Amino acid sequence: MLLFSISVIPVLILFFDGYAKGRLKLGFLYIIYFLLFLTFTGFMLHFFTIYSIFIFPLSLFFLIAFKIMKKKKTETNHSVF
């Protein structure tokens, strides 16, 4: 249960980050994707411990990848000017 609640935190951070930047659709897209992923893996994996072990690294990976992509996008914009 603890791992499951920890895995939700990066998704909520992405949602509120999108909300703060004025990209509410992007935030909702992350939540919808996460819920679809939960239901899909819920049907495939019937044990909650395995379920949460897979979700936490994946959500953490998406959080890190999103931050890196956002950072590279701002770097390329500054290098053009």
Protein backbone atom coordinates (compact mmCIF):
# COMPACT_ATOMS: atom_id res chain seq x y z
CA MET A 1 0.00 0.00 0.00
CA LEU A 2 2.85 2.37 0.77
CA LEU A 3 4.55 1.70 -2.55
CA PHE A 4 1.27 2.28 -4.36
CA SER A 5 0.76 5.67 -2.69
CA ILE A 6 4.37 6.62 -3.48
CA SER A 7 3.82 5.70 -7.14
CA VAL A 8 0.88 8.12 -7.38
CA ILE A 9 2.96 11.10 -6.24
CA PRO A 10 4.99 11.58 -9.48
CA VAL A 11 1.79 11.47 -11.52
CA LEU A 12 0.21 14.12 -9.30
CA ILE A 13 3.37 16.24 -9.60
CA LEU A 14 3.13 16.02 -13.39
CA PHE A 15 -0.56 16.94 -13.24
CA PHE A 16 -0.01 20.02 -11.10
CA ASP A 17 3.06 21.00 -13.12
CA GLY A 18 0.92 20.94 -16.26
CA TYR A 19 -1.80 22.84 -14.42
CA ALA A 20 0.64 25.52 -13.25
CA LYS A 21 2.00 26.00 -16.76
CA GLY A 22 -1.50 26.40 -18.17
CA ARG A 23 -1.48 22.98 -19.83
CA LEU A 24 -4.41 21.42 -18.05
CA LYS A 25 -5.04 18.97 -20.90
CA LEU A 26 -1.52 17.60 -20.48
CA GLY A 27 -2.09 17.08 -16.76
CA PHE A 28 -5.34 15.22 -17.37
CA LEU A 29 -3.64 13.16 -20.06
CA TYR A 30 -1.06 11.95 -17.54
CA ILE A 31 -3.76 10.98 -15.04
CA ILE A 32 -5.82 9.17 -17.68
CA TYR A 33 -2.73 7.34 -18.92
CA PHE A 34 -1.82 6.33 -15.39
CA LEU A 35 -5.33 5.04 -14.65
CA LEU A 36 -5.37 3.05 -17.89
CA PHE A 37 -1.99 1.62 -17.00
CA LEU A 38 -3.27 0.66 -13.55
CA THR A 39 -6.28 -1.18 -14.95
CA PHE A 40 -4.24 -2.91 -17.65
CA THR A 41 -1.61 -4.15 -15.22
CA GLY A 42 -4.34 -4.97 -12.70
CA PHE A 43 -5.76 -7.51 -15.12
CA MET A 44 -2.34 -8.92 -15.96
CA LEU A 45 -0.81 -8.99 -12.48
CA HIS A 46 -3.02 -10.26 -9.70
CA PHE A 47 -0.67 -9.67 -6.81
CA PHE A 48 -0.55 -6.20 -5.33
CA THR A 49 3.13 -6.33 -4.33
CA ILE A 50 4.32 -7.08 -7.86
CA TYR A 51 1.84 -4.51 -9.13
CA SER A 52 3.24 -1.70 -7.03
CA ILE A 53 6.86 -2.70 -7.66
CA PHE A 54 6.34 -2.22 -11.40
CA ILE A 55 4.37 1.03 -11.13
CA PHE A 56 6.76 2.97 -8.92
CA PRO A 57 9.86 2.79 -11.18
CA LEU A 58 7.76 3.44 -14.27
CA SER A 59 6.12 6.55 -12.86
CA LEU A 60 9.46 7.76 -11.55
CA PHE A 61 10.98 7.20 -15.00
CA PHE A 62 8.24 9.27 -16.64
CA LEU A 63 8.75 12.06 -14.13
CA ILE A 64 12.50 12.19 -14.79
CA ALA A 65 12.04 11.91 -18.56
CA PHE A 66 9.48 14.72 -18.56
CA LYS A 67 11.80 17.00 -16.59
CA ILE A 68 14.74 16.23 -18.92
CA MET A 69 12.65 16.86 -22.03
CA LYS A 70 11.38 20.14 -20.59
CA LYS A 71 14.94 21.18 -19.72
CA LYS A 72 16.25 20.35 -23.21
CA LYS A 73 13.38 22.25 -24.81
CA THR A 74 14.23 25.41 -22.89
CA GLU A 75 17.95 24.99 -23.68
CA THR A 76 17.28 24.76 -27.41
CA ASN A 77 15.04 27.82 -27.31
CA HIS A 78 17.76 29.87 -25.64
CA SER A 79 20.46 28.70 -28.05
CA VAL A 80 18.45 29.91 -31.07
CA PHE A 81 18.31 33.45 -29.73
